[in-house]
Amino acid sequence: MTRVQVLAAVGLLVISSADARAQDAAPPAPRTPAAPAAPAPPAPGVGAASIVPLKVTITLSKYQGDKKVSSLPYELTVRTDNNKASIRMTTQVPALTVDPAADPGKPRTGPFVMRDVGTNIDCNATNLKDGRYSVTVTIEDSSIYEDSQRTDIPNGSKASGASAWRTYRTTNALVLRDGQSTEFTTAVDKITGDVFKANVLLTVIK
């Protein structure tokens, strides 16, 4: 190989090495951006936009014949996502216990126990179509008979100092619109003849 051929071969080798280094230093080709991920479906359940705040007014009335002798209103704020709202308005009173199996001639009354007397109300609501709401109300109302009423208890004798108790329980499901009221229930006390009525009024809070 002549001197000229050797120099030409060396020159080609140098040029090839320079091209390889240039290719290694070249920046990578830009990437194509990935398509955005599809949004996740909403979680099941009641959406916050569909929850409606309601005011439920419950009036408990007592009648003797056609005469109204008492009327007590109770108000609850309830949401239409079926969460329960409650009222507990009770007082603990001492009640004297009675032992009907006591031997004749011995005291029939026992120690005092504490009992709750008052009103408990639970309420929950859900949305329906066309501006209607499903409202479920549970009421428990307890009271003490007066002395004059206790003597009328049939098939029983009056124990001196002992108390007699009355409990009124009811649960009902109603369908109401804004501003609509309805008579919830009517019950009659078999001992006194007192009539108990519950009225429910629904108002949308705006």
Protein backbone atom coordinates (compact mmCIF):
# COMPACT_ATOMS: atom_id res chain seq x y z
CA MET A 1 0.00 0.00 0.00
CA THR A 2 1.35 3.36 -0.96
CA ARG A 3 1.72 6.33 1.33
CA VAL A 4 -1.21 8.08 -0.35
CA GLN A 5 -3.54 5.10 0.21
CA VAL A 6 -2.57 4.91 3.90
CA LEU A 7 -3.36 8.60 4.45
CA ALA A 8 -6.74 8.22 2.67
CA ALA A 9 -7.71 5.25 4.88
CA VAL A 10 -6.82 7.17 8.06
CA GLY A 11 -8.90 10.16 6.91
CA LEU A 12 -11.95 7.98 6.27
CA LEU A 13 -11.61 6.45 9.77
CA VAL A 14 -11.47 9.89 11.41
CA ILE A 15 -14.56 11.09 9.51
CA SER A 16 -16.54 7.94 10.49
CA SER A 17 -15.69 8.41 14.19
CA ALA A 18 -16.80 12.06 14.11
CA ASP A 19 -20.15 11.11 12.50
CA ALA A 20 -20.77 8.46 15.21
CA ARG A 21 -20.09 10.98 18.02
CA ALA A 22 -22.44 13.50 16.42
CA GLN A 23 -25.25 10.93 16.25
CA ASP A 24 -24.75 10.02 19.94
CA ALA A 25 -24.93 13.68 20.99
CA ALA A 26 -28.11 14.41 19.01
CA PRO A 27 -31.17 15.11 21.23
CA PRO A 28 -33.87 12.43 21.34
CA ALA A 29 -36.86 12.84 19.10
CA PRO A 30 -39.84 14.52 20.79
CA ARG A 31 -42.49 12.17 22.17
CA THR A 32 -46.09 12.34 21.08
CA PRO A 33 -48.22 13.40 24.11
CA ALA A 34 -50.53 10.67 25.40
CA ALA A 35 -54.26 11.18 25.14
CA PRO A 36 -55.85 12.40 28.43
CA ALA A 37 -57.46 9.69 30.55
CA ALA A 38 -61.27 9.51 30.52
CA PRO A 39 -62.86 10.93 33.71
CA ALA A 40 -63.93 8.36 36.29
CA PRO A 41 -67.67 7.72 36.56
CA PRO A 42 -69.37 9.41 39.54
CA ALA A 43 -69.64 7.37 42.70
CA PRO A 44 -73.05 5.80 43.33
CA GLY A 45 -75.36 7.53 45.81
CA VAL A 46 -77.16 10.83 46.19
CA GLY A 47 -75.39 13.77 44.61
CA ALA A 48 -74.85 16.84 46.76
CA ALA A 49 -76.79 18.98 44.27
CA SER A 50 -79.92 16.84 44.76
CA ILE A 51 -79.97 17.05 48.58
CA VAL A 52 -82.79 19.32 49.76
CA PRO A 53 -83.04 20.68 53.34
CA LEU A 54 -86.53 20.37 54.81
CA LYS A 55 -88.22 21.65 57.93
CA VAL A 56 -90.66 19.15 59.40
CA THR A 57 -93.12 20.51 61.97
CA ILE A 58 -94.90 17.89 64.08
CA THR A 59 -97.77 18.97 66.31
CA LEU A 60 -99.04 16.61 69.01
CA SER A 61 -102.55 17.46 70.20
CA LYS A 62 -104.78 15.94 72.88
CA TYR A 63 -108.57 16.15 72.81
CA GLN A 64 -111.25 15.37 75.36
CA GLY A 65 -114.26 14.85 73.18
CA ASP A 66 -114.24 17.75 70.71
CA LYS A 67 -112.29 20.01 73.05
CA LYS A 68 -108.57 20.46 72.42
CA VAL A 69 -106.81 20.46 75.78
CA SER A 70 -103.17 20.61 74.64
CA SER A 71 -101.10 21.22 71.51
CA LEU A 72 -97.30 20.86 71.43
CA PRO A 73 -95.25 21.66 68.29
CA TYR A 74 -91.85 20.14 67.50
CA GLU A 75 -89.59 21.15 64.58
CA LEU A 76 -86.79 19.19 62.93
CA THR A 77 -84.46 20.06 60.06
CA VAL A 78 -83.89 17.00 57.90
CA ARG A 79 -82.03 16.39 54.62
CA THR A 80 -83.31 14.30 51.74
CA ASP A 81 -80.34 11.90 51.76
CA ASN A 82 -82.12 9.63 54.27
CA ASN A 83 -80.07 10.78 57.27
CA LYS A 84 -82.06 10.64 60.48
CA ALA A 85 -82.96 13.72 62.53
CA SER A 86 -84.09 13.25 66.15
CA ILE A 87 -85.61 15.04 69.12
CA ARG A 88 -85.31 13.76 72.68
CA MET A 89 -87.33 15.79 75.19
CA THR A 90 -87.66 13.72 78.36
CA THR A 91 -87.51 14.07 82.13
CA GLN A 92 -86.58 11.34 84.58
CA VAL A 93 -89.14 10.91 87.35
CA PRO A 94 -89.18 8.48 90.29
CA ALA A 95 -91.71 5.66 89.96
CA LEU A 96 -92.78 3.45 92.83
CA THR A 97 -92.78 -0.23 91.86
CA VAL A 98 -95.60 -2.59 92.78
CA ASP A 99 -95.37 -6.33 93.49
CA PRO A 100 -98.74 -7.91 92.65
CA ALA A 101 -97.58 -11.27 94.06
CA ALA A 102 -96.91 -9.93 97.54
CA ASP A 103 -98.57 -11.78 100.43
CA PRO A 104 -101.83 -10.24 101.70
CA GLY A 105 -101.26 -7.89 104.56
CA LYS A 106 -97.71 -7.07 103.46
CA PRO A 107 -96.71 -3.91 101.58
CA ARG A 108 -97.16 -4.32 97.83
CA THR A 109 -94.99 -1.37 96.92
CA GLY A 110 -91.30 -1.71 96.31
CA PRO A 111 -88.39 0.67 95.79
CA PHE A 112 -88.42 3.65 93.47
CA VAL A 113 -87.01 3.41 89.95
CA MET A 114 -86.30 6.26 87.55
CA ARG A 115 -88.32 6.38 84.34
CA ASP A 116 -88.18 8.70 81.32
CA VAL A 117 -91.31 10.73 80.66
CA GLY A 118 -91.55 12.89 77.56
CA THR A 119 -91.40 12.81 73.78
CA ASN A 120 -89.01 11.15 71.34
CA ILE A 121 -89.26 11.84 67.60
CA ASP A 122 -87.20 10.44 64.71
CA CYS A 123 -87.53 11.62 61.11
CA ASN A 124 -85.86 10.95 57.77
CA ALA A 125 -86.68 11.99 54.20
CA THR A 126 -85.83 11.23 50.55
CA ASN A 127 -86.52 12.87 47.20
CA LEU A 128 -89.33 11.70 44.94
CA LYS A 129 -90.36 12.91 41.49
CA ASP A 130 -92.39 16.03 40.67
CA GLY A 131 -91.45 18.00 43.80
CA ARG A 132 -92.65 15.35 46.25
CA TYR A 133 -90.79 14.03 49.29
CA SER A 134 -91.04 10.79 51.21
CA VAL A 135 -91.00 11.51 54.95
CA THR A 136 -90.94 8.82 57.65
CA VAL A 137 -91.76 9.88 61.20
CA THR A 138 -91.58 7.84 64.43
CA ILE A 139 -93.14 9.26 67.60
CA GLU A 140 -93.01 7.97 71.16
CA ASP A 141 -94.78 10.00 73.81
CA SER A 142 -95.08 8.94 77.44
CA SER A 143 -96.93 10.53 80.36
CA ILE A 144 -98.19 9.81 83.88
CA TYR A 145 -101.83 9.31 84.73
CA GLU A 146 -103.28 11.68 87.28
CA ASP A 147 -104.72 10.23 90.50
CA SER A 148 -108.28 10.71 89.29
CA GLN A 149 -107.49 8.81 86.10
CA ARG A 150 -105.73 5.89 87.77
CA THR A 151 -108.88 4.82 89.63
CA ASP A 152 -110.56 4.10 86.27
CA ILE A 153 -108.07 1.40 85.24
CA PRO A 154 -110.21 -1.68 84.55
CA ASN A 155 -109.55 -4.98 86.36
CA GLY A 156 -106.98 -3.34 88.61
CA SER A 157 -106.83 -1.76 92.02
CA LYS A 158 -105.25 1.52 92.93
CA ALA A 159 -102.01 1.13 94.87
CA SER A 160 -101.44 4.09 97.11
CA GLY A 161 -98.53 6.19 95.90
CA ALA A 162 -97.89 4.06 92.79
CA SER A 163 -97.84 5.65 89.35
CA ALA A 164 -99.57 4.55 86.17
CA TRP A 165 -97.93 5.25 82.81
CA ARG A 166 -99.23 5.90 79.33
CA THR A 167 -97.09 5.44 76.21
CA TYR A 168 -98.12 6.43 72.69
CA ARG A 169 -95.96 5.01 69.86
CA THR A 170 -96.47 5.36 66.13
CA THR A 171 -94.50 5.16 62.86
CA ASN A 172 -95.75 6.22 59.46
CA ALA A 173 -94.42 7.07 56.01
CA LEU A 174 -95.85 10.14 54.26
CA VAL A 175 -95.60 11.68 50.79
CA LEU A 176 -95.72 15.49 50.96
CA ARG A 177 -95.00 18.57 48.87
CA ASP A 178 -93.60 21.92 49.97
CA GLY A 179 -96.12 23.62 52.30
CA GLN A 180 -98.37 20.57 52.56
CA SER A 181 -99.58 19.19 55.90
CA THR A 182 -101.48 16.06 56.84
CA GLU A 183 -102.85 14.35 59.91
CA PHE A 184 -100.24 11.77 60.78
CA THR A 185 -102.28 9.53 63.06
CA THR A 186 -105.13 9.45 65.58
CA ALA A 187 -105.22 7.27 68.69
CA VAL A 188 -107.68 6.88 71.59
CA ASP A 189 -106.74 6.08 75.18
CA LYS A 190 -109.01 3.21 76.27
CA ILE A 191 -108.86 4.22 79.92
CA THR A 192 -109.57 7.96 79.76
CA GLY A 193 -111.08 8.35 76.30
CA ASP A 194 -108.51 11.03 75.46
CA VAL A 195 -107.84 11.36 71.72
CA PHE A 196 -104.28 11.95 70.53
CA LYS A 197 -103.57 13.39 67.10
CA ALA A 198 -100.30 14.11 65.29
CA ASN A 199 -100.07 16.57 62.40
CA VAL A 200 -97.07 16.90 60.06
CA LEU A 201 -96.20 20.02 58.02
CA LEU A 202 -93.40 20.00 55.42
CA THR A 203 -91.55 23.16 54.36
CA VAL A 204 -88.60 23.32 51.93
CA ILE A 205 -85.78 25.48 53.32
CA LYS A 206 -84.66 27.89 50.57
